[in-house]
Protein backbone atom coordinates (compact mmCIF):
# COMPACT_ATOMS: atom_id res chain seq x y z
CA MET A 1 -0.03 0.02 0.01
CA PHE A 2 2.78 2.49 1.04
CA THR A 3 5.15 1.39 -1.81
CA ARG A 4 3.30 3.49 -4.33
CA LEU A 5 3.83 6.57 -2.15
CA PHE A 6 7.63 6.00 -1.90
CA ARG A 7 8.47 4.66 -5.35
CA LYS A 8 10.85 6.79 -7.28
CA ASN A 9 9.55 8.50 -10.57
CA PRO A 10 12.05 7.49 -13.13
CA LEU A 11 10.84 10.54 -15.25
CA LYS A 12 11.60 12.91 -12.39
CA ALA A 13 15.02 11.49 -12.15
CA ARG A 14 15.64 12.07 -15.90
CA ALA A 15 14.36 15.58 -15.63
CA ARG A 16 16.71 16.23 -12.76
CA VAL A 17 19.67 15.09 -15.06
CA LEU A 18 18.20 17.23 -17.99
CA TYR A 19 18.11 20.07 -15.69
CA ASP A 20 21.64 19.64 -14.45
CA GLN A 21 22.87 19.33 -18.07
CA LEU A 22 21.16 22.57 -19.13
CA VAL A 23 22.81 24.40 -16.01
CA GLU A 24 26.08 22.97 -17.21
CA ALA A 25 25.63 24.28 -20.70
CA ALA A 26 24.35 27.69 -19.35
CA ARG A 27 27.57 27.98 -17.13
CA ARG A 28 29.93 27.57 -19.92
CA PRO A 29 32.56 30.51 -19.89
CA PHE A 30 32.12 31.58 -23.41
CA LEU A 31 28.60 32.82 -22.71
CA TYR A 32 29.80 35.36 -20.25
CA GLY A 33 32.06 38.56 -20.35
CA ALA A 34 32.55 40.85 -23.20
CA GLN A 35 31.04 38.24 -25.71
CA GLY A 36 27.86 37.50 -23.70
CA VAL A 37 26.25 38.38 -20.43
CA ASP A 38 27.94 39.55 -17.29
CA ASP A 39 28.99 36.86 -14.88
CA THR A 40 26.49 38.01 -12.25
CA VAL A 41 23.41 36.37 -10.55
CA ASP A 42 21.18 38.12 -13.03
CA GLY A 43 23.61 36.90 -15.96
CA ARG A 44 23.42 33.43 -14.68
CA PHE A 45 19.66 33.51 -14.34
CA ASP A 46 19.36 34.71 -17.88
CA MET A 47 21.42 31.95 -19.23
CA ILE A 48 19.72 29.19 -17.21
CA VAL A 49 16.34 30.58 -18.41
CA LEU A 50 17.53 30.86 -22.05
CA HIS A 51 18.61 27.08 -22.04
CA ALA A 52 15.55 26.00 -20.16
CA ILE A 53 13.10 27.79 -22.68
CA LEU A 54 15.05 25.83 -25.53
CA LEU A 55 14.92 22.59 -23.84
CA ILE A 56 11.31 22.89 -22.35
CA ARG A 57 10.15 24.11 -25.85
CA ARG A 58 11.54 20.91 -27.39
CA LEU A 59 10.34 18.49 -24.84
CA ARG A 60 6.78 19.69 -25.20
CA GLN A 61 6.94 18.50 -28.66
CA GLY A 62 7.20 15.00 -27.36
CA GLY A 63 3.53 14.27 -26.53
CA GLU A 64 2.23 13.65 -23.02
CA ALA A 65 5.71 12.15 -21.82
CA GLY A 66 7.40 15.21 -23.29
CA GLN A 67 4.89 17.57 -21.60
CA ASP A 68 5.37 15.80 -18.27
CA ALA A 69 9.18 15.93 -18.60
CA ALA A 70 9.02 19.74 -19.46
CA GLN A 71 6.93 20.41 -16.41
CA LEU A 72 9.30 18.42 -14.26
CA VAL A 73 12.38 20.37 -15.53
CA PHE A 74 10.51 23.58 -14.86
CA ASP A 75 9.53 22.54 -11.35
CA ILE A 76 13.14 21.26 -10.67
CA MET A 77 14.50 24.67 -11.97
CA PHE A 78 12.31 26.67 -9.69
CA ASP A 79 13.14 24.45 -6.74
CA ASP A 80 16.75 25.06 -7.36
CA PHE A 81 16.13 28.76 -7.65
CA GLY A 82 14.50 28.66 -4.22
CA ALA A 83 17.36 26.80 -2.69
CA ALA A 84 19.95 29.28 -4.35
CA LEU A 85 18.17 32.28 -2.85
CA ARG A 86 18.18 30.68 0.61
CA GLU A 87 21.91 29.97 0.33
CA MET A 88 22.48 33.53 -0.58
CA GLY A 89 20.67 34.56 2.62
CA THR A 90 17.30 35.47 1.33
CA GLY A 91 14.80 35.18 4.14
CA ASP A 92 11.94 32.64 3.97
CA LEU A 93 9.45 35.52 3.91
CA SER A 94 11.04 37.01 0.79
CA VAL A 95 11.69 33.67 -1.16
CA GLY A 96 8.10 33.38 -2.33
CA LYS A 97 8.12 37.00 -3.68
CA ARG A 98 11.43 36.53 -5.42
CA ILE A 99 10.37 33.15 -6.97
CA ARG A 100 7.26 34.86 -8.27
CA ALA A 101 9.25 37.56 -9.83
CA MET A 102 11.44 34.84 -11.38
CA GLY A 103 8.55 33.03 -12.82
CA GLU A 104 7.09 36.18 -14.26
CA ALA A 105 10.54 36.83 -15.85
CA PHE A 106 10.70 33.28 -17.23
CA TYR A 107 7.17 33.37 -18.76
CA GLY A 108 7.78 36.82 -20.24
CA ARG A 109 11.07 35.66 -21.71
CA ALA A 110 9.57 32.54 -23.05
CA LYS A 111 6.84 34.51 -24.74
CA ALA A 112 9.11 37.02 -26.13
CA TYR A 113 11.51 34.40 -27.53
CA GLU A 114 8.96 31.88 -28.95
CA SER A 115 7.95 33.58 -32.29
CA PRO A 116 11.48 34.52 -33.23
CA LEU A 117 12.68 30.89 -32.32
CA ALA A 118 9.87 29.45 -34.30
CA GLU A 119 10.35 31.69 -37.26
CA GLY A 120 14.17 31.76 -37.14
CA ASP A 121 14.07 35.48 -36.99
CA ALA A 122 17.62 36.45 -35.53
CA ASP A 123 16.83 40.21 -35.55
CA ALA A 124 13.72 39.84 -33.52
CA LEU A 125 15.38 37.33 -31.22
CA ALA A 126 18.32 39.78 -30.63
CA GLY A 127 15.81 42.60 -29.91
CA ALA A 128 14.09 40.44 -27.30
CA ILE A 129 17.40 39.50 -25.83
CA SER A 130 18.59 42.88 -25.76
CA ARG A 131 15.54 44.12 -23.90
CA ASN A 132 15.50 41.31 -21.36
CA MET A 133 19.16 40.67 -20.83
CA PHE A 134 20.81 44.07 -21.47
CA ASN A 135 17.95 46.64 -20.75
CA ASP A 136 18.35 47.76 -24.42
CA ASP A 137 22.00 48.87 -23.92
CA ARG A 138 23.28 49.82 -27.36
CA GLU A 139 26.82 48.76 -26.42
CA ALA A 140 25.54 45.24 -25.88
CA ALA A 141 23.97 44.90 -29.36
CA ALA A 142 26.69 42.59 -30.64
CA ALA A 143 26.23 40.43 -27.54
CA SER A 144 22.53 40.33 -28.12
CA ARG A 145 23.19 39.18 -31.66
CA ARG A 146 25.51 36.64 -30.75
CA LEU A 147 23.24 35.15 -28.26
CA ALA A 148 20.44 35.32 -30.59
CA GLY A 149 22.61 33.14 -33.01
CA TYR A 150 23.49 30.93 -30.25
CA ALA A 151 19.88 30.39 -29.30
CA LEU A 152 18.75 29.80 -32.81
CA ALA A 153 21.64 27.30 -33.44
CA SER A 154 20.55 25.55 -30.07
CA ALA A 155 17.04 25.42 -31.21
CA GLN A 156 18.15 23.73 -34.48
CA LEU A 157 20.52 21.31 -32.82
CA LEU A 158 17.68 20.31 -30.34
CA SER A 159 15.17 19.92 -33.17
CA ARG A 160 17.32 17.11 -34.55
CA GLN A 161 16.92 15.28 -31.20
CA PRO A 162 13.67 13.54 -30.80
CA PRO A 163 12.11 14.45 -27.54
CA GLU A 164 11.78 10.63 -26.70
CA GLU A 165 15.55 10.39 -26.85
CA LEU A 166 16.00 13.32 -24.53
CA ILE A 167 13.52 11.88 -22.12
CA ALA A 168 15.40 8.35 -22.42
CA GLY A 169 18.82 9.83 -21.53
CA ALA A 170 20.29 11.68 -24.51
CA ARG A 171 22.24 14.88 -23.58
CA PRO A 172 20.66 18.05 -24.84
CA ALA A 173 22.71 19.37 -27.68
CA PHE A 174 23.96 23.03 -27.35
CA PRO A 175 26.48 24.74 -29.44
CA ASP A 176 30.12 24.78 -28.20
CA ALA A 177 30.70 28.40 -29.11
CA LEU A 178 28.89 31.65 -29.68
CA PRO A 179 28.65 32.41 -33.33
CA VAL A 180 31.08 35.06 -34.73
């Protein structure tokens, strides 16, 4: 009777691995500094969110199992954000407000990036990235274009990976460098 309550969910375990892999991809040094975003809490958040949007977008194309995996990756990501906030000393009463703001930022970015990703529109995606990651700073225009190219290349690589393979254990494919 109680075995069902304590049984491990293999999809949740795989979603954890997928999340860890997207964080690993989001923390690659070439995404930061003069070529990308600042290596700050906000910059790291933006890179994790960008990679999560790309991966979740692909998983959702995998039917019910893909939808379930996408939701689990999302849930794990926000659990991780909450834990990180607590580690940084954010009080328990403030964590909920900060998580809500992060959720709004995630959904806003996902909405802003969806059409340009679907249409392969690098200019529109660079504009959305500029607004979200760089507050439309003109000096960051080149970085916005590079990150847009990276996101489009990521979406293309992920499109070649069947969602079922990702759910089964394939490592999500992300480019190894920013486009020039």
